[in-house]
């Protein structure tokens, strides 16, 4: 439910060209890894974490755009920057 209410629109913004960082913050043992990744060895879509759901949305949107005649390239363009003191 959280994914469809919040993350869906964040992922859509990423696909529109905006930068995106999905960040989990909290106390040790509060469920950050579970929320981000889902339970270990789970094959159920209902229990997936944010990261697998986000990646499915990205690749599903890419496939939908290809079917509609769009060409998708360089969606994961990595650039390096140097930080100096």
Protein backbone atom coordinates (compact mmCIF):
# COMPACT_ATOMS: atom_id res chain seq x y z
CA UNK A 1 0.00 0.00 0.00
CA UNK A 2 2.84 2.41 0.82
CA UNK A 3 4.45 1.68 -2.52
CA UNK A 4 1.35 2.56 -4.51
CA UNK A 5 0.67 5.68 -2.45
CA UNK A 6 4.18 7.13 -2.37
CA UNK A 7 6.86 5.24 -4.26
CA UNK A 8 4.91 4.78 -7.49
CA UNK A 9 5.03 8.55 -8.09
CA UNK A 10 8.70 8.77 -7.08
CA UNK A 11 9.60 6.04 -9.58
CA UNK A 12 7.53 7.78 -12.25
CA UNK A 13 9.49 10.99 -11.59
CA UNK A 14 12.72 9.00 -11.99
CA UNK A 15 11.46 7.72 -15.33
CA UNK A 16 10.67 11.32 -16.29
CA UNK A 17 14.34 12.21 -15.80
CA UNK A 18 14.61 13.34 -12.19
CA UNK A 19 17.22 11.98 -9.78
CA UNK A 20 15.93 9.58 -7.12
CA UNK A 21 17.31 8.18 -3.90
CA UNK A 22 15.34 5.65 -1.89
CA UNK A 23 16.65 5.88 1.66
CA UNK A 24 15.70 4.00 4.84
CA UNK A 25 16.60 5.47 8.21
CA UNK A 26 15.82 4.19 11.66
CA UNK A 27 16.81 2.37 14.80
CA UNK A 28 18.53 -1.00 14.65
CA UNK A 29 15.96 -3.76 14.32
CA UNK A 30 13.16 -1.47 13.19
CA UNK A 31 12.60 -3.22 9.83
CA UNK A 32 14.55 -1.13 7.33
CA UNK A 33 15.97 -4.11 5.44
CA UNK A 34 12.63 -5.91 5.48
CA UNK A 35 10.89 -2.82 4.12
CA UNK A 36 13.48 -2.23 1.40
CA UNK A 37 14.10 -5.85 0.32
CA UNK A 38 11.20 -7.89 1.67
CA UNK A 39 11.49 -11.16 3.57
CA UNK A 40 14.31 -13.53 2.61
CA UNK A 41 13.41 -16.34 0.19
CA UNK A 42 9.92 -14.98 -0.46
CA UNK A 43 8.35 -15.77 -3.81
CA UNK A 44 5.17 -13.83 -3.10
CA UNK A 45 4.57 -10.49 -4.82
CA UNK A 46 2.55 -9.38 -1.79
CA UNK A 47 5.64 -9.50 0.45
CA UNK A 48 8.14 -7.81 -1.86
CA UNK A 49 10.10 -4.87 -0.57
CA UNK A 50 10.37 -1.42 -2.10
CA UNK A 51 13.46 -2.15 -4.20
CA UNK A 52 12.06 -5.17 -6.09
CA UNK A 53 8.75 -3.38 -6.67
CA UNK A 54 10.54 -0.27 -7.94
CA UNK A 55 12.69 -2.25 -10.35
CA UNK A 56 9.66 -4.12 -11.66
CA UNK A 57 7.93 -0.79 -12.29
CA UNK A 58 10.99 0.58 -14.12
CA UNK A 59 11.36 -2.41 -16.41
CA UNK A 60 7.61 -2.76 -16.98
CA UNK A 61 7.43 0.89 -18.01
CA UNK A 62 10.36 0.39 -20.38
CA UNK A 63 8.57 -2.55 -22.00
CA UNK A 64 5.33 -0.56 -22.25
CA UNK A 65 7.17 2.29 -23.96
CA UNK A 66 8.82 -0.09 -26.43
CA UNK A 67 5.43 -1.54 -27.35
CA UNK A 68 4.17 2.02 -27.91
CA UNK A 69 7.06 2.65 -30.32
CA UNK A 70 9.43 4.54 -28.03
CA UNK A 71 13.17 3.93 -27.90
CA UNK A 72 14.55 3.80 -24.39
CA UNK A 73 18.28 4.21 -23.82
CA UNK A 74 20.72 5.39 -21.16
CA UNK A 75 18.21 5.21 -18.32
CA UNK A 76 20.98 4.17 -15.91
CA UNK A 77 23.65 6.70 -16.86
CA UNK A 78 26.33 6.72 -14.19
CA UNK A 79 28.68 9.67 -13.93
CA UNK A 80 31.59 9.95 -11.56
CA UNK A 81 32.44 13.05 -9.63
CA UNK A 82 35.46 13.75 -7.50
CA UNK A 83 35.13 15.18 -4.02
CA UNK A 84 38.18 17.06 -2.78
CA UNK A 85 39.01 18.80 0.47
